mmCIF file of all heavy atoms, coordinates in Angstrom:
data_MODEL
# 
_entry.id   MODEL 
# 
loop_
_atom_site.group_PDB 
_atom_site.id 
_atom_site.type_symbol 
_atom_site.label_atom_id 
_atom_site.label_alt_id 
_atom_site.label_comp_id 
_atom_site.label_asym_id 
_atom_site.label_entity_id 
_atom_site.label_seq_id 
_atom_site.pdbx_PDB_ins_code 
_atom_site.Cartn_x 
_atom_site.Cartn_y 
_atom_site.Cartn_z 
_atom_site.occupancy 
_atom_site.B_iso_or_equiv 
_atom_site.pdbx_formal_charge 
_atom_site.auth_seq_id 
_atom_site.auth_comp_id 
_atom_site.auth_asym_id 
_atom_site.auth_atom_id 
_atom_site.pdbx_PDB_model_num 
ATOM 1   N N   . ARG A 1 1  ? 0.489   -9.577  -12.747 1.00 0.00 ? 1  ARG A N   1 
ATOM 2   C CA  . ARG A 1 1  ? 1.678   -10.361 -12.460 1.00 0.00 ? 1  ARG A CA  1 
ATOM 3   C C   . ARG A 1 1  ? 2.648   -9.533  -11.628 1.00 0.00 ? 1  ARG A C   1 
ATOM 4   O O   . ARG A 1 1  ? 2.697   -8.308  -11.750 1.00 0.00 ? 1  ARG A O   1 
ATOM 5   C CB  . ARG A 1 1  ? 2.357   -10.798 -13.748 1.00 0.00 ? 1  ARG A CB  1 
ATOM 6   C CG  . ARG A 1 1  ? 1.429   -11.544 -14.704 1.00 0.00 ? 1  ARG A CG  1 
ATOM 7   C CD  . ARG A 1 1  ? 2.215   -12.061 -15.897 1.00 0.00 ? 1  ARG A CD  1 
ATOM 8   N NE  . ARG A 1 1  ? 1.328   -12.701 -16.870 1.00 0.00 ? 1  ARG A NE  1 
ATOM 9   C CZ  . ARG A 1 1  ? 0.970   -12.159 -18.016 1.00 0.00 ? 1  ARG A CZ  1 
ATOM 10  N NH1 . ARG A 1 1  ? 1.423   -10.953 -18.347 1.00 0.00 ? 1  ARG A NH1 1 
ATOM 11  N NH2 . ARG A 1 1  ? 0.159   -12.794 -18.837 1.00 0.00 ? 1  ARG A NH2 1 
ATOM 12  N N   . PRO A 1 2  ? 3.464   -10.171 -10.808 1.00 0.00 ? 2  PRO A N   1 
ATOM 13  C CA  . PRO A 1 2  ? 4.481   -9.420  -10.052 1.00 0.00 ? 2  PRO A CA  1 
ATOM 14  C C   . PRO A 1 2  ? 5.530   -8.855  -11.004 1.00 0.00 ? 2  PRO A C   1 
ATOM 15  O O   . PRO A 1 2  ? 5.903   -9.499  -11.992 1.00 0.00 ? 2  PRO A O   1 
ATOM 16  C CB  . PRO A 1 2  ? 5.086   -10.473 -9.116  1.00 0.00 ? 2  PRO A CB  1 
ATOM 17  C CG  . PRO A 1 2  ? 4.792   -11.783 -9.771  1.00 0.00 ? 2  PRO A CG  1 
ATOM 18  C CD  . PRO A 1 2  ? 3.483   -11.618 -10.485 1.00 0.00 ? 2  PRO A CD  1 
ATOM 19  N N   . ILE A 1 3  ? 5.978   -7.643  -10.749 1.00 0.00 ? 3  ILE A N   1 
ATOM 20  C CA  . ILE A 1 3  ? 7.032   -7.052  -11.574 1.00 0.00 ? 3  ILE A CA  1 
ATOM 21  C C   . ILE A 1 3  ? 8.372   -7.080  -10.850 1.00 0.00 ? 3  ILE A C   1 
ATOM 22  O O   . ILE A 1 3  ? 9.348   -6.527  -11.324 1.00 0.00 ? 3  ILE A O   1 
ATOM 23  C CB  . ILE A 1 3  ? 6.674   -5.601  -11.965 1.00 0.00 ? 3  ILE A CB  1 
ATOM 24  C CG1 . ILE A 1 3  ? 6.396   -4.747  -10.734 1.00 0.00 ? 3  ILE A CG1 1 
ATOM 25  C CG2 . ILE A 1 3  ? 5.497   -5.575  -12.903 1.00 0.00 ? 3  ILE A CG2 1 
ATOM 26  C CD1 . ILE A 1 3  ? 6.131   -3.291  -11.041 1.00 0.00 ? 3  ILE A CD1 1 
ATOM 27  N N   . SER A 1 4  ? 8.409   -7.733  -9.702  1.00 0.00 ? 4  SER A N   1 
ATOM 28  C CA  . SER A 1 4  ? 9.659   -7.959  -8.983  1.00 0.00 ? 4  SER A CA  1 
ATOM 29  C C   . SER A 1 4  ? 9.532   -9.289  -8.250  1.00 0.00 ? 4  SER A C   1 
ATOM 30  O O   . SER A 1 4  ? 8.477   -9.933  -8.272  1.00 0.00 ? 4  SER A O   1 
ATOM 31  C CB  . SER A 1 4  ? 9.944   -6.825  -7.990  1.00 0.00 ? 4  SER A CB  1 
ATOM 32  O OG  . SER A 1 4  ? 8.963   -6.795  -6.975  1.00 0.00 ? 4  SER A OG  1 
ATOM 33  N N   . ALA A 1 5  ? 10.601  -9.701  -7.601  1.00 0.00 ? 5  ALA A N   1 
ATOM 34  C CA  . ALA A 1 5  ? 10.613  -11.001 -6.927  1.00 0.00 ? 5  ALA A CA  1 
ATOM 35  C C   . ALA A 1 5  ? 9.747   -11.007 -5.674  1.00 0.00 ? 5  ALA A C   1 
ATOM 36  O O   . ALA A 1 5  ? 9.306   -12.063 -5.231  1.00 0.00 ? 5  ALA A O   1 
ATOM 37  C CB  . ALA A 1 5  ? 12.050  -11.385 -6.565  1.00 0.00 ? 5  ALA A CB  1 
ATOM 38  N N   . GLU A 1 6  ? 9.475   -9.852  -5.109  1.00 0.00 ? 6  GLU A N   1 
ATOM 39  C CA  . GLU A 1 6  ? 8.702   -9.787  -3.878  1.00 0.00 ? 6  GLU A CA  1 
ATOM 40  C C   . GLU A 1 6  ? 7.205   -9.911  -4.160  1.00 0.00 ? 6  GLU A C   1 
ATOM 41  O O   . GLU A 1 6  ? 6.714   -9.412  -5.173  1.00 0.00 ? 6  GLU A O   1 
ATOM 42  C CB  . GLU A 1 6  ? 8.967   -8.467  -3.150  1.00 0.00 ? 6  GLU A CB  1 
ATOM 43  C CG  . GLU A 1 6  ? 10.297  -8.444  -2.416  1.00 0.00 ? 6  GLU A CG  1 
ATOM 44  C CD  . GLU A 1 6  ? 10.333  -7.349  -1.366  1.00 0.00 ? 6  GLU A CD  1 
ATOM 45  O OE1 . GLU A 1 6  ? 9.435   -6.500  -1.350  1.00 0.00 ? 6  GLU A OE1 1 
ATOM 46  O OE2 . GLU A 1 6  ? 11.269  -7.367  -0.552  1.00 0.00 ? 6  GLU A OE2 1 
ATOM 47  N N   . PRO A 1 7  ? 6.458   -10.566 -3.260  1.00 0.00 ? 7  PRO A N   1 
ATOM 48  C CA  . PRO A 1 7  ? 4.999   -10.639 -3.433  1.00 0.00 ? 7  PRO A CA  1 
ATOM 49  C C   . PRO A 1 7  ? 4.347   -9.289  -3.197  1.00 0.00 ? 7  PRO A C   1 
ATOM 50  O O   . PRO A 1 7  ? 4.923   -8.407  -2.563  1.00 0.00 ? 7  PRO A O   1 
ATOM 51  C CB  . PRO A 1 7  ? 4.575   -11.652 -2.354  1.00 0.00 ? 7  PRO A CB  1 
ATOM 52  C CG  . PRO A 1 7  ? 5.639   -11.538 -1.303  1.00 0.00 ? 7  PRO A CG  1 
ATOM 53  C CD  . PRO A 1 7  ? 6.918   -11.256 -2.038  1.00 0.00 ? 7  PRO A CD  1 
ATOM 54  N N   . GLU A 1 8  ? 3.122   -9.125  -3.743  1.00 0.00 ? 8  GLU A N   1 
ATOM 55  C CA  . GLU A 1 8  ? 2.373   -7.897  -3.517  1.00 0.00 ? 8  GLU A CA  1 
ATOM 56  C C   . GLU A 1 8  ? 1.989   -7.792  -2.041  1.00 0.00 ? 8  GLU A C   1 
ATOM 57  O O   . GLU A 1 8  ? 1.692   -8.799  -1.393  1.00 0.00 ? 8  GLU A O   1 
ATOM 58  C CB  . GLU A 1 8  ? 1.084   -7.888  -4.363  1.00 0.00 ? 8  GLU A CB  1 
ATOM 59  C CG  . GLU A 1 8  ? 1.334   -7.912  -5.862  1.00 0.00 ? 8  GLU A CG  1 
ATOM 60  C CD  . GLU A 1 8  ? 1.828   -6.590  -6.382  1.00 0.00 ? 8  GLU A CD  1 
ATOM 61  O OE1 . GLU A 1 8  ? 1.586   -5.559  -5.727  1.00 0.00 ? 8  GLU A OE1 1 
ATOM 62  O OE2 . GLU A 1 8  ? 2.476   -6.572  -7.442  1.00 0.00 ? 8  GLU A OE2 1 
ATOM 63  N N   . PRO A 1 9  ? 2.020   -6.599  -1.469  1.00 0.00 ? 9  PRO A N   1 
ATOM 64  C CA  . PRO A 1 9  ? 1.678   -6.444  -0.049  1.00 0.00 ? 9  PRO A CA  1 
ATOM 65  C C   . PRO A 1 9  ? 0.215   -6.751  0.211   1.00 0.00 ? 9  PRO A C   1 
ATOM 66  O O   . PRO A 1 9  ? -0.636  -6.600  -0.667  1.00 0.00 ? 9  PRO A O   1 
ATOM 67  C CB  . PRO A 1 9  ? 1.994   -4.967  0.219   1.00 0.00 ? 9  PRO A CB  1 
ATOM 68  C CG  . PRO A 1 9  ? 1.922   -4.306  -1.110  1.00 0.00 ? 9  PRO A CG  1 
ATOM 69  C CD  . PRO A 1 9  ? 2.381   -5.326  -2.103  1.00 0.00 ? 9  PRO A CD  1 
ATOM 70  N N   . GLU A 1 10 ? -0.071  -7.203  1.431   1.00 0.00 ? 10 GLU A N   1 
ATOM 71  C CA  . GLU A 1 10 ? -1.444  -7.518  1.823   1.00 0.00 ? 10 GLU A CA  1 
ATOM 72  C C   . GLU A 1 10 ? -2.259  -6.229  1.986   1.00 0.00 ? 10 GLU A C   1 
ATOM 73  O O   . GLU A 1 10 ? -1.728  -5.180  2.342   1.00 0.00 ? 10 GLU A O   1 
ATOM 74  C CB  . GLU A 1 10 ? -1.442  -8.301  3.141   1.00 0.00 ? 10 GLU A CB  1 
ATOM 75  C CG  . GLU A 1 10 ? -0.794  -9.682  3.054   1.00 0.00 ? 10 GLU A CG  1 
ATOM 76  C CD  . GLU A 1 10 ? -1.598  -10.638 2.198   1.00 0.00 ? 10 GLU A CD  1 
ATOM 77  O OE1 . GLU A 1 10 ? -2.837  -10.500 2.162   1.00 0.00 ? 10 GLU A OE1 1 
ATOM 78  O OE2 . GLU A 1 10 ? -0.991  -11.511 1.554   1.00 0.00 ? 10 GLU A OE2 1 
ATOM 79  N N   . GLU A 1 11 ? -3.573  -6.352  1.736   1.00 0.00 ? 11 GLU A N   1 
ATOM 80  C CA  . GLU A 1 11 ? -4.454  -5.203  1.911   1.00 0.00 ? 11 GLU A CA  1 
ATOM 81  C C   . GLU A 1 11 ? -4.641  -4.935  3.408   1.00 0.00 ? 11 GLU A C   1 
ATOM 82  O O   . GLU A 1 11 ? -4.848  -5.853  4.199   1.00 0.00 ? 11 GLU A O   1 
ATOM 83  C CB  . GLU A 1 11 ? -5.799  -5.467  1.238   1.00 0.00 ? 11 GLU A CB  1 
ATOM 84  C CG  . GLU A 1 11 ? -6.715  -4.274  1.239   1.00 0.00 ? 11 GLU A CG  1 
ATOM 85  C CD  . GLU A 1 11 ? -7.915  -4.473  0.323   1.00 0.00 ? 11 GLU A CD  1 
ATOM 86  O OE1 . GLU A 1 11 ? -7.754  -5.051  -0.756  1.00 0.00 ? 11 GLU A OE1 1 
ATOM 87  O OE2 . GLU A 1 11 ? -9.017  -4.059  0.720   1.00 0.00 ? 11 GLU A OE2 1 
ATOM 88  N N   . LEU A 1 12 ? -4.592  -3.688  3.791   1.00 0.00 ? 12 LEU A N   1 
ATOM 89  C CA  . LEU A 1 12 ? -4.642  -3.300  5.199   1.00 0.00 ? 12 LEU A CA  1 
ATOM 90  C C   . LEU A 1 12 ? -5.946  -2.568  5.505   1.00 0.00 ? 12 LEU A C   1 
ATOM 91  O O   . LEU A 1 12 ? -6.567  -1.981  4.610   1.00 0.00 ? 12 LEU A O   1 
ATOM 92  C CB  . LEU A 1 12 ? -3.456  -2.382  5.525   1.00 0.00 ? 12 LEU A CB  1 
ATOM 93  C CG  . LEU A 1 12 ? -2.055  -2.978  5.303   1.00 0.00 ? 12 LEU A CG  1 
ATOM 94  C CD1 . LEU A 1 12 ? -1.001  -1.892  5.434   1.00 0.00 ? 12 LEU A CD1 1 
ATOM 95  C CD2 . LEU A 1 12 ? -1.804  -4.106  6.292   1.00 0.00 ? 12 LEU A CD2 1 
ATOM 96  N N   . PRO A 1 13 ? -6.355  -2.572  6.781   1.00 0.00 ? 13 PRO A N   1 
ATOM 97  C CA  . PRO A 1 13 ? -7.533  -1.780  7.156   1.00 0.00 ? 13 PRO A CA  1 
ATOM 98  C C   . PRO A 1 13 ? -7.233  -0.289  7.047   1.00 0.00 ? 13 PRO A C   1 
ATOM 99  O O   . PRO A 1 13 ? -6.078  0.139   7.090   1.00 0.00 ? 13 PRO A O   1 
ATOM 100 C CB  . PRO A 1 13 ? -7.800  -2.204  8.600   1.00 0.00 ? 13 PRO A CB  1 
ATOM 101 C CG  . PRO A 1 13 ? -6.492  -2.733  9.096   1.00 0.00 ? 13 PRO A CG  1 
ATOM 102 C CD  . PRO A 1 13 ? -5.825  -3.358  7.909   1.00 0.00 ? 13 PRO A CD  1 
ATOM 103 N N   . ASP A 1 14 ? -8.298  0.526   6.938   1.00 0.00 ? 14 ASP A N   1 
ATOM 104 C CA  . ASP A 1 14 ? -8.140  1.969   6.766   1.00 0.00 ? 14 ASP A CA  1 
ATOM 105 C C   . ASP A 1 14 ? -7.319  2.599   7.884   1.00 0.00 ? 14 ASP A C   1 
ATOM 106 O O   . ASP A 1 14 ? -6.555  3.556   7.648   1.00 0.00 ? 14 ASP A O   1 
ATOM 107 C CB  . ASP A 1 14 ? -9.516  2.643   6.709   1.00 0.00 ? 14 ASP A CB  1 
ATOM 108 C CG  . ASP A 1 14 ? -10.197 2.408   5.381   1.00 0.00 ? 14 ASP A CG  1 
ATOM 109 O OD1 . ASP A 1 14 ? -9.542  1.883   4.458   1.00 0.00 ? 14 ASP A OD1 1 
ATOM 110 O OD2 . ASP A 1 14 ? -11.392 2.763   5.244   1.00 0.00 ? 14 ASP A OD2 1 
ATOM 111 N N   . SER A 1 15 ? -7.454  2.064   9.086   1.00 0.00 ? 15 SER A N   1 
ATOM 112 C CA  . SER A 1 15 ? -6.763  2.664   10.232  1.00 0.00 ? 15 SER A CA  1 
ATOM 113 C C   . SER A 1 15 ? -5.244  2.559   10.124  1.00 0.00 ? 15 SER A C   1 
ATOM 114 O O   . SER A 1 15 ? -4.521  3.326   10.767  1.00 0.00 ? 15 SER A O   1 
ATOM 115 C CB  . SER A 1 15 ? -7.234  1.994   11.527  1.00 0.00 ? 15 SER A CB  1 
ATOM 116 O OG  . SER A 1 15 ? -6.961  0.606   11.492  1.00 0.00 ? 15 SER A OG  1 
ATOM 117 N N   . GLN A 1 16 ? -4.755  1.632   9.306   1.00 0.00 ? 16 GLN A N   1 
ATOM 118 C CA  . GLN A 1 16 ? -3.312  1.440   9.177   1.00 0.00 ? 16 GLN A CA  1 
ATOM 119 C C   . GLN A 1 16 ? -2.736  2.098   7.921   1.00 0.00 ? 16 GLN A C   1 
ATOM 120 O O   . GLN A 1 16 ? -1.551  1.945   7.635   1.00 0.00 ? 16 GLN A O   1 
ATOM 121 C CB  . GLN A 1 16 ? -2.979  -0.062  9.172   1.00 0.00 ? 16 GLN A CB  1 
ATOM 122 C CG  . GLN A 1 16 ? -3.339  -0.783  10.464  1.00 0.00 ? 16 GLN A CG  1 
ATOM 123 C CD  . GLN A 1 16 ? -2.906  -2.238  10.449  1.00 0.00 ? 16 GLN A CD  1 
ATOM 124 O OE1 . GLN A 1 16 ? -1.961  -2.604  9.773   1.00 0.00 ? 16 GLN A OE1 1 
ATOM 125 N NE2 . GLN A 1 16 ? -3.611  -3.067  11.208  1.00 0.00 ? 16 GLN A NE2 1 
ATOM 126 N N   . LEU A 1 17 ? -3.562  2.819   7.190   1.00 0.00 ? 17 LEU A N   1 
ATOM 127 C CA  . LEU A 1 17 ? -3.099  3.465   5.956   1.00 0.00 ? 17 LEU A CA  1 
ATOM 128 C C   . LEU A 1 17 ? -2.682  4.906   6.237   1.00 0.00 ? 17 LEU A C   1 
ATOM 129 O O   . LEU A 1 17 ? -3.207  5.549   7.145   1.00 0.00 ? 17 LEU A O   1 
ATOM 130 C CB  . LEU A 1 17 ? -4.208  3.448   4.903   1.00 0.00 ? 17 LEU A CB  1 
ATOM 131 C CG  . LEU A 1 17 ? -4.696  2.075   4.442   1.00 0.00 ? 17 LEU A CG  1 
ATOM 132 C CD1 . LEU A 1 17 ? -5.789  2.235   3.390   1.00 0.00 ? 17 LEU A CD1 1 
ATOM 133 C CD2 . LEU A 1 17 ? -3.554  1.233   3.897   1.00 0.00 ? 17 LEU A CD2 1 
ATOM 134 N N   . PRO A 1 18 ? -1.749  5.447   5.453   1.00 0.00 ? 18 PRO A N   1 
ATOM 135 C CA  . PRO A 1 18 ? -1.389  6.865   5.601   1.00 0.00 ? 18 PRO A CA  1 
ATOM 136 C C   . PRO A 1 18 ? -2.574  7.755   5.277   1.00 0.00 ? 18 PRO A C   1 
ATOM 137 O O   . PRO A 1 18 ? -3.544  7.323   4.635   1.00 0.00 ? 18 PRO A O   1 
ATOM 138 C CB  . PRO A 1 18 ? -0.251  7.056   4.583   1.00 0.00 ? 18 PRO A CB  1 
ATOM 139 C CG  . PRO A 1 18 ? 0.205   5.688   4.222   1.00 0.00 ? 18 PRO A CG  1 
ATOM 140 C CD  . PRO A 1 18 ? -0.971  4.784   4.404   1.00 0.00 ? 18 PRO A CD  1 
ATOM 141 N N   . SER A 1 19 ? -2.505  9.019   5.681   1.00 0.00 ? 19 SER A N   1 
ATOM 142 C CA  . SER A 1 19 ? -3.573  9.959   5.366   1.00 0.00 ? 19 SER A CA  1 
ATOM 143 C C   . SER A 1 19 ? -3.630  10.197  3.859   1.00 0.00 ? 19 SER A C   1 
ATOM 144 O O   . SER A 1 19 ? -2.677  9.912   3.127   1.00 0.00 ? 19 SER A O   1 
ATOM 145 C CB  . SER A 1 19 ? -3.340  11.285  6.084   1.00 0.00 ? 19 SER A CB  1 
ATOM 146 O OG  . SER A 1 19 ? -2.202  11.951  5.554   1.00 0.00 ? 19 SER A OG  1 
ATOM 147 N N   . LEU A 1 20 ? -4.761  10.740  3.402   1.00 0.00 ? 20 LEU A N   1 
ATOM 148 C CA  . LEU A 1 20 ? -4.928  10.980  1.967   1.00 0.00 ? 20 LEU A CA  1 
ATOM 149 C C   . LEU A 1 20 ? -3.887  11.969  1.452   1.00 0.00 ? 20 LEU A C   1 
ATOM 150 O O   . LEU A 1 20 ? -3.302  11.776  0.376   1.00 0.00 ? 20 LEU A O   1 
ATOM 151 C CB  . LEU A 1 20 ? -6.341  11.503  1.689   1.00 0.00 ? 20 LEU A CB  1 
ATOM 152 C CG  . LEU A 1 20 ? -6.652  11.809  0.219   1.00 0.00 ? 20 LEU A CG  1 
ATOM 153 C CD1 . LEU A 1 20 ? -6.514  10.566  -0.647  1.00 0.00 ? 20 LEU A CD1 1 
ATOM 154 C CD2 . LEU A 1 20 ? -8.057  12.411  0.085   1.00 0.00 ? 20 LEU A CD2 1 
ATOM 155 N N   . PHE A 1 21 ? -3.621  13.043  2.206   1.00 0.00 ? 21 PHE A N   1 
ATOM 156 C CA  . PHE A 1 21 ? -2.650  14.045  1.758   1.00 0.00 ? 21 PHE A CA  1 
ATOM 157 C C   . PHE A 1 21 ? -1.263  13.428  1.611   1.00 0.00 ? 21 PHE A C   1 
ATOM 158 O O   . PHE A 1 21 ? -0.578  13.624  0.595   1.00 0.00 ? 21 PHE A O   1 
ATOM 159 C CB  . PHE A 1 21 ? -2.596  15.211  2.744   1.00 0.00 ? 21 PHE A CB  1 
ATOM 160 C CG  . PHE A 1 21 ? -1.528  16.214  2.439   1.00 0.00 ? 21 PHE A CG  1 
ATOM 161 C CD1 . PHE A 1 21 ? -1.687  17.132  1.407   1.00 0.00 ? 21 PHE A CD1 1 
ATOM 162 C CD2 . PHE A 1 21 ? -0.338  16.221  3.170   1.00 0.00 ? 21 PHE A CD2 1 
ATOM 163 C CE1 . PHE A 1 21 ? -0.694  18.045  1.118   1.00 0.00 ? 21 PHE A CE1 1 
ATOM 164 C CE2 . PHE A 1 21 ? 0.660   17.135  2.888   1.00 0.00 ? 21 PHE A CE2 1 
ATOM 165 C CZ  . PHE A 1 21 ? 0.486   18.048  1.859   1.00 0.00 ? 21 PHE A CZ  1 
ATOM 166 N N   . VAL A 1 22 ? -0.845  12.670  2.625   1.00 0.00 ? 22 VAL A N   1 
ATOM 167 C CA  . VAL A 1 22 ? 0.476   12.036  2.576   1.00 0.00 ? 22 VAL A CA  1 
ATOM 168 C C   . VAL A 1 22 ? 0.534   11.026  1.439   1.00 0.00 ? 22 VAL A C   1 
ATOM 169 O O   . VAL A 1 22 ? 1.560   10.896  0.753   1.00 0.00 ? 22 VAL A O   1 
ATOM 170 C CB  . VAL A 1 22 ? 0.796   11.371  3.923   1.00 0.00 ? 22 VAL A CB  1 
ATOM 171 C CG1 . VAL A 1 22 ? 2.063   10.519  3.813   1.00 0.00 ? 22 VAL A CG1 1 
ATOM 172 C CG2 . VAL A 1 22 ? 0.943   12.416  5.010   1.00 0.00 ? 22 VAL A CG2 1 
ATOM 173 N N   . SER A 1 23 ? -0.564  10.322  1.200   1.00 0.00 ? 23 SER A N   1 
ATOM 174 C CA  . SER A 1 23 ? -0.598  9.320   0.136   1.00 0.00 ? 23 SER A CA  1 
ATOM 175 C C   . SER A 1 23 ? -0.513  9.957   -1.243  1.00 0.00 ? 23 SER A C   1 
ATOM 176 O O   . SER A 1 23 ? 0.122   9.416   -2.160  1.00 0.00 ? 23 SER A O   1 
ATOM 177 C CB  . SER A 1 23 ? -1.880  8.485   0.245   1.00 0.00 ? 23 SER A CB  1 
ATOM 178 O OG  . SER A 1 23 ? -1.941  7.819   1.487   1.00 0.00 ? 23 SER A OG  1 
ATOM 179 N N   . LEU A 1 24 ? -1.162  11.115  -1.413  1.00 0.00 ? 24 LEU A N   1 
ATOM 180 C CA  . LEU A 1 24 ? -1.155  11.798  -2.707  1.00 0.00 ? 24 LEU A CA  1 
ATOM 181 C C   . LEU A 1 24 ? 0.124   12.587  -2.957  1.00 0.00 ? 24 LEU A C   1 
ATOM 182 O O   . LEU A 1 24 ? 0.449   12.882  -4.120  1.00 0.00 ? 24 LEU A O   1 
ATOM 183 C CB  . LEU A 1 24 ? -2.350  12.753  -2.798  1.00 0.00 ? 24 LEU A CB  1 
ATOM 184 C CG  . LEU A 1 24 ? -3.717  12.137  -3.064  1.00 0.00 ? 24 LEU A CG  1 
ATOM 185 C CD1 . LEU A 1 24 ? -4.808  13.192  -2.904  1.00 0.00 ? 24 LEU A CD1 1 
ATOM 186 C CD2 . LEU A 1 24 ? -3.779  11.532  -4.468  1.00 0.00 ? 24 LEU A CD2 1 
ATOM 187 N N   . LEU A 1 25 ? 0.838   12.928  -1.900  1.00 0.00 ? 25 LEU A N   1 
ATOM 188 C CA  . LEU A 1 25 ? 1.987   13.819  -2.042  1.00 0.00 ? 25 LEU A CA  1 
ATOM 189 C C   . LEU A 1 25 ? 3.046   13.301  -3.018  1.00 0.00 ? 25 LEU A C   1 
ATOM 190 O O   . LEU A 1 25 ? 3.564   14.095  -3.821  1.00 0.00 ? 25 LEU A O   1 
ATOM 191 C CB  . LEU A 1 25 ? 2.611   14.074  -0.665  1.00 0.00 ? 25 LEU A CB  1 
ATOM 192 C CG  . LEU A 1 25 ? 3.599   15.247  -0.585  1.00 0.00 ? 25 LEU A CG  1 
ATOM 193 C CD1 . LEU A 1 25 ? 2.935   16.541  -1.049  1.00 0.00 ? 25 LEU A CD1 1 
ATOM 194 C CD2 . LEU A 1 25 ? 4.123   15.393  0.844   1.00 0.00 ? 25 LEU A CD2 1 
# 
């Protein structure tokens, strides 16, 4: 369920995601 009023973001292709290091930081 949503925990805020905003909808969950759409799933993006790998090319549009941050790098693993930046994501884990």
